[in-house]
Each structure stands twice: as C-alpha cells, then as structure tokens.
Amino acid sequence: MDTADPPPVIAVAAQPLEFLGLLRRAEARRRLAWPIAYAREARLRGRRWILAAHGPGPRLAGAAAEAALDRCGGRAVVLSTGFCGALDPSLRAGDIFAAREVFDTSGRRTFPAALPQSPRSFHQGRLWSQNRVAVSAEEKASLRKQGGDAVDMEAAAVAAEAARRNAPFYCVRVVSDPAGETLPADFNASRGPEGRFSNFRITLAALLHPSSLLPLLRFGRSCRRAALILGDFLASCRF
C-alpha cells in the first residue's frame, strides 16, 4: 500500500487578501522565509498547502510560482487562484470560476487546466490572462467578443511555469466584478515600476476624486467577501 503523502498544493495569487478564506479554513499555518513578498505554509484537511503571493501581473506571478516549485523540489500541484473579472454577463460577484483553459495574451498561447473535484457547483470556461486590469465594462465586452469568459493577470504565467515543470495545473478563481460593472478606479494607473499596486497612489487618486471614495470602499468590502467564498470552495476541493 502506498502511504506517501500527496504532493503539496502550491496556490499562487497576486495579493495576500486573496488567501483570506483559505487561511480561515487552515488547521495550521506558518510563515516561510522565501524570497517573495508573501509565503505561508498551511494544512487543509491534512494536506500541505503553500500560499504564495508576489504581486499582480505575469512577471511577479511567474516568480512566485518558480520560487515555490523550487522549494518543493518540483513535486506539487499548481493552482492559480484569487480574483477575476467576469466577461460572461451571467457571472456575478462571488461566483466561483474554474478555467478549462487559460489564454496568454502576450504569448498568444493556450494552456489547458484541470478541473477540481468539488461537491459545490461552479462555473467553467476560458480565462483571458493579460498584464493589465480590465477596468471598464467596455473593455470587458471587447474581451468577451474575443472568446473570454473571465479575465485575470497572473494565470498564464503560473500555467507556463507549471508546464515547464510538468506539474498538474488548476485555475480556480472568484469573480470580484461583473462584466457590466466598471471598477471604481483605474488600478492600472496605480501600478509602480515593478507592476505592484501602490496603496499611496490609489488613496491619492481617491482623494483627488472624492466621488470615487465610497464606491472604492464598497469594492474593497466586496473583495473581502469574495475571498471568503473562494476559501470555502477551495477547502471543499480535491486536486
């Protein structure tokens, strides 16, 4: 009988907030001194998870996936997770979306993704992965016409690193903003030289445009609720 532990799940997101729900479900957790912005080890249903977040966009997400796989000896299940924007008008904020394939807009490549086993229902489709936030409803409508069901900024880079290591790849995300909704701020203008979001720039933009402050706060609360929904779903999954 094979009693070996299953390989760990490496979950890569852009921001630590996206792990809020997972951490609430964790049986144990500890900080990892790794050369990325955020790294934690957790136990969920007895299985080892690595939570890695290094910032938004493909370059930072790829670095997080590479660092985690290096330190796991390349033996792991790789999961791209966090928030996504809806392109399919039927998707609502808080809906779970699992990609069957991820389209990389920079390399014009498509990566297949496995689907998790879960007793809970979830949406499936094609994830459009690009190096910018899809801010406006008009941009989302344009991406929808090109064949996307949801949009994110990191999944393609994580998928590419998983493919390079021959590691199983999954992509499970939660919808933070519906297709017909324009975000309360242009988060692309708030990215610094490395691609990270600058809280200072976001706050300054809100102060310069006070009418955006309340929608921005509402969006932040919505994202926290979405992160909790995502954590509950992931805790129910088998990868």
Protein backbone atom coordinates (compact mmCIF):
# COMPACT_ATOMS: atom_id res chain seq x y z
CA MET A 1 0.00 0.00 0.00
CA ASP A 2 1.30 3.47 -0.92
CA THR A 3 1.26 5.60 2.22
CA ALA A 4 3.24 8.52 0.78
CA ASP A 5 1.83 11.96 1.41
CA PRO A 6 0.20 13.60 -1.60
CA PRO A 7 2.20 16.38 -3.22
CA PRO A 8 1.55 19.84 -1.78
CA VAL A 9 -0.79 22.30 -3.43
CA ILE A 10 1.04 25.48 -4.43
CA ALA A 11 -1.56 28.26 -4.60
CA VAL A 12 -0.33 31.41 -6.35
CA ALA A 13 -2.27 34.67 -6.07
CA ALA A 14 -1.45 38.33 -6.56
CA GLN A 15 -2.30 39.63 -3.07
CA PRO A 16 -2.42 38.08 0.43
CA LEU A 17 -6.07 39.23 0.71
CA GLU A 18 -6.99 36.55 -1.82
CA PHE A 19 -5.94 33.89 0.72
CA LEU A 20 -8.18 35.26 3.49
CA GLY A 21 -10.77 32.50 3.21
CA LEU A 22 -8.21 29.72 2.86
CA LEU A 23 -6.35 30.83 5.97
CA ARG A 24 -9.58 30.85 7.98
CA ARG A 25 -10.05 27.20 6.99
CA ALA A 26 -6.45 26.18 7.72
CA GLU A 27 -5.76 23.72 10.52
CA ALA A 28 -2.23 25.09 10.94
CA ARG A 29 -0.11 27.79 9.34
CA ARG A 30 3.39 29.19 9.46
CA ARG A 31 5.40 31.90 7.76
CA LEU A 32 8.03 30.89 5.21
CA ALA A 33 11.22 32.93 4.77
CA TRP A 34 11.20 32.80 0.99
CA PRO A 35 12.42 35.48 -1.47
CA ILE A 36 8.89 36.57 -2.43
CA ALA A 37 6.58 39.14 -0.87
CA TYR A 38 4.32 36.64 0.91
CA ALA A 39 4.74 32.92 1.58
CA ARG A 40 2.87 30.72 4.05
CA GLU A 41 2.57 27.00 4.67
CA ALA A 42 -0.85 25.76 5.74
CA ARG A 43 -2.62 22.46 6.39
CA LEU A 44 -6.11 21.94 4.97
CA ARG A 45 -7.83 18.60 5.55
CA GLY A 46 -4.41 17.21 6.42
CA ARG A 47 -2.80 18.25 3.15
CA ARG A 48 0.12 20.63 2.87
CA TRP A 49 -0.57 23.89 1.03
CA ILE A 50 1.89 26.60 0.02
CA LEU A 51 0.35 30.06 -0.32
CA ALA A 52 2.49 32.37 -2.46
CA ALA A 53 1.76 35.97 -3.42
CA HIS A 54 4.28 38.30 -5.02
CA GLY A 55 2.15 40.94 -6.72
CA PRO A 56 -0.06 41.36 -9.80
CA GLY A 57 0.84 40.58 -13.37
CA PRO A 58 2.64 37.76 -15.15
CA ARG A 59 6.24 38.57 -14.21
CA LEU A 60 5.62 38.64 -10.47
CA ALA A 61 3.26 35.66 -10.54
CA GLY A 62 5.76 33.63 -12.54
CA ALA A 63 8.47 34.44 -10.00
CA ALA A 64 6.21 33.31 -7.14
CA ALA A 65 5.42 30.00 -8.88
CA GLU A 66 9.08 29.42 -9.69
CA ALA A 67 10.22 30.10 -6.12
CA ALA A 68 7.58 27.80 -4.64
CA LEU A 69 8.25 24.95 -7.08
CA ASP A 70 12.00 25.22 -6.49
CA ARG A 71 11.49 24.83 -2.76
CA CYS A 72 9.07 21.93 -3.17
CA GLY A 73 11.50 20.02 -5.37
CA GLY A 74 9.23 20.44 -8.37
CA ARG A 75 6.76 17.91 -6.94
CA ALA A 76 3.49 19.76 -6.44
CA VAL A 77 0.05 20.54 -7.75
CA VAL A 78 -0.02 24.14 -9.01
CA LEU A 79 -3.11 26.30 -8.51
CA SER A 80 -3.59 29.81 -9.87
CA THR A 81 -6.18 31.47 -7.67
CA GLY A 82 -7.58 34.78 -6.46
CA PHE A 83 -9.92 37.29 -8.02
CA CYS A 84 -11.04 37.56 -11.62
CA GLY A 85 -13.25 39.90 -13.60
CA ALA A 86 -16.30 38.48 -15.34
CA LEU A 87 -16.58 38.70 -19.12
CA ASP A 88 -19.62 36.42 -19.33
CA PRO A 89 -22.63 38.56 -18.30
CA SER A 90 -24.17 35.60 -16.46
CA LEU A 91 -21.33 35.60 -13.88
CA ARG A 92 -21.97 37.54 -10.68
CA ALA A 93 -19.67 38.82 -7.95
CA GLY A 94 -18.84 35.94 -5.62
CA ASP A 95 -19.33 33.23 -8.27
CA ILE A 96 -16.60 30.57 -8.49
CA PHE A 97 -14.97 30.23 -11.90
CA ALA A 98 -12.68 27.32 -12.84
CA ALA A 99 -10.79 27.64 -16.11
CA ARG A 100 -10.72 24.74 -18.54
CA GLU A 101 -8.07 26.68 -20.45
CA VAL A 102 -6.06 29.84 -19.95
CA PHE A 103 -5.24 32.13 -22.87
CA ASP A 104 -2.00 34.12 -22.62
CA THR A 105 -2.49 37.41 -24.45
CA SER A 106 1.23 38.25 -24.56
CA GLY A 107 2.48 34.95 -25.97
CA ARG A 108 -0.76 34.09 -27.79
CA ARG A 109 -0.66 30.65 -26.19
CA THR A 110 -3.34 28.50 -24.61
CA PHE A 111 -2.73 26.35 -21.53
CA PRO A 112 -5.12 23.55 -20.54
CA ALA A 113 -6.27 23.45 -16.93
CA ALA A 114 -7.66 20.52 -14.96
CA LEU A 115 -10.95 20.91 -13.13
CA PRO A 116 -11.12 20.27 -9.38
CA GLN A 117 -13.49 17.79 -7.80
CA SER A 118 -15.95 19.54 -5.51
CA PRO A 119 -19.44 18.85 -4.14
CA ARG A 120 -20.19 22.52 -4.80
CA SER A 121 -21.28 23.92 -8.14
CA PHE A 122 -19.02 26.24 -10.10
CA HIS A 123 -18.75 27.89 -13.50
CA GLN A 124 -16.29 26.70 -16.15
CA GLY A 125 -14.81 28.35 -19.20
CA ARG A 126 -11.92 30.16 -20.85
CA LEU A 127 -9.83 32.57 -18.80
CA TRP A 128 -8.26 35.53 -20.57
CA SER A 129 -4.92 36.39 -18.90
CA GLN A 130 -3.35 39.78 -19.58
CA ASN A 131 -0.92 42.24 -18.00
CA ARG A 132 -3.48 44.91 -17.12
CA VAL A 133 -6.65 45.29 -15.11
CA ALA A 134 -9.80 45.17 -17.24
CA VAL A 135 -11.25 48.31 -15.70
CA SER A 136 -14.22 49.29 -17.85
CA ALA A 137 -17.35 47.47 -18.90
CA GLU A 138 -16.42 48.36 -22.48
CA GLU A 139 -13.04 46.61 -22.26
CA LYS A 140 -14.68 43.54 -20.75
CA ALA A 141 -17.23 43.47 -23.58
CA SER A 142 -14.39 43.61 -26.11
CA LEU A 143 -12.57 40.69 -24.45
CA ARG A 144 -15.82 38.76 -24.37
CA LYS A 145 -16.10 39.10 -28.15
CA GLN A 146 -12.61 37.61 -28.44
CA GLY A 147 -13.72 34.46 -26.65
CA GLY A 148 -13.06 35.02 -22.94
CA ASP A 149 -15.42 34.11 -20.10
CA ALA A 150 -13.35 35.75 -17.34
CA VAL A 151 -10.16 37.81 -17.12
CA ASP A 152 -7.17 37.92 -14.78
CA MET A 153 -3.50 38.97 -14.77
CA GLU A 154 -1.50 36.03 -13.41
CA ALA A 155 -2.84 32.64 -14.50
CA ALA A 156 -0.95 32.36 -17.80
CA ALA A 157 2.45 32.88 -16.15
CA VAL A 158 1.63 30.35 -13.43
CA ALA A 159 0.41 27.87 -16.06
CA ALA A 160 3.62 28.35 -18.07
CA GLU A 161 5.78 27.58 -15.03
CA ALA A 162 3.69 24.51 -14.20
CA ALA A 163 4.02 23.30 -17.80
CA ARG A 164 7.80 23.81 -17.68
CA ARG A 165 7.97 21.55 -14.61
CA ASN A 166 5.37 19.03 -15.86
CA ALA A 167 3.27 19.80 -12.78
CA PRO A 168 -0.53 19.42 -12.73
CA PHE A 169 -2.19 22.81 -13.19
CA TYR A 170 -5.53 24.14 -11.97
CA CYS A 171 -7.03 27.61 -12.10
CA VAL A 172 -9.87 28.40 -9.68
CA ARG A 173 -10.94 31.98 -9.09
CA VAL A 174 -13.76 34.03 -7.64
CA VAL A 175 -15.48 36.83 -9.53
CA SER A 176 -14.75 40.22 -7.97
CA ASP A 177 -16.55 42.36 -10.54
CA PRO A 178 -19.34 41.55 -13.04
CA ALA A 179 -18.99 42.08 -16.78
CA GLY A 180 -21.23 45.13 -16.89
CA GLU A 181 -19.51 46.90 -14.00
CA THR A 182 -16.73 49.49 -14.40
CA LEU A 183 -14.28 49.44 -11.49
CA PRO A 184 -14.28 52.45 -9.13
CA ALA A 185 -10.67 53.35 -10.02
CA ASP A 186 -8.17 52.83 -12.82
CA PHE A 187 -5.90 50.44 -10.96
CA ASN A 188 -3.52 50.33 -13.93
CA ALA A 189 -2.54 53.94 -13.17
CA SER A 190 -1.69 52.88 -9.61
CA ARG A 191 0.92 50.28 -10.54
CA GLY A 192 4.53 51.02 -9.73
CA PRO A 193 7.67 50.27 -11.79
CA GLU A 194 7.63 46.57 -10.80
CA GLY A 195 3.93 46.26 -11.58
CA ARG A 196 2.69 46.22 -7.98
CA PHE A 197 -0.32 48.26 -6.93
CA SER A 198 0.59 51.32 -4.88
CA ASN A 199 -1.81 51.95 -1.98
CA PHE A 200 -0.48 55.51 -1.85
CA ARG A 201 -1.41 56.12 -5.49
CA ILE A 202 -4.84 54.55 -5.03
CA THR A 203 -5.52 56.68 -1.95
CA LEU A 204 -4.26 59.85 -3.63
CA ALA A 205 -6.48 59.24 -6.66
CA ALA A 206 -9.48 58.76 -4.37
CA LEU A 207 -8.72 62.00 -2.51
CA LEU A 208 -8.42 63.87 -5.78
CA HIS A 209 -11.77 62.40 -6.91
CA PRO A 210 -13.90 62.18 -3.73
CA SER A 211 -16.88 60.74 -5.61
CA SER A 212 -14.90 57.53 -6.13
CA LEU A 213 -14.15 57.02 -2.42
CA LEU A 214 -17.41 55.34 -1.41
CA PRO A 215 -17.50 53.02 -4.46
CA LEU A 216 -13.88 52.10 -3.75
CA LEU A 217 -14.71 51.19 -0.15
CA ARG A 218 -17.67 49.13 -1.31
CA PHE A 219 -15.47 47.32 -3.81
CA GLY A 220 -12.96 46.54 -1.07
CA ARG A 221 -15.68 45.01 1.11
CA SER A 222 -16.96 43.02 -1.86
CA CYS A 223 -13.47 41.64 -2.47
CA ARG A 224 -13.17 40.50 1.14
CA ARG A 225 -16.49 38.67 0.90
CA ALA A 226 -15.37 37.09 -2.37
CA ALA A 227 -12.11 35.91 -0.76
CA LEU A 228 -14.09 34.15 1.98
CA ILE A 229 -16.30 32.44 -0.61
CA LEU A 230 -13.20 31.34 -2.52
CA GLY A 231 -11.59 29.87 0.59
CA ASP A 232 -14.71 27.89 1.46
CA PHE A 233 -14.83 26.50 -2.07
CA LEU A 234 -11.15 25.58 -2.26
CA ALA A 235 -11.37 23.82 1.10
CA SER A 236 -14.05 21.55 -0.41
CA CYS A 237 -11.94 20.63 -3.46
CA ARG A 238 -9.81 17.68 -4.35
CA PHE A 239 -6.87 18.43 -6.65
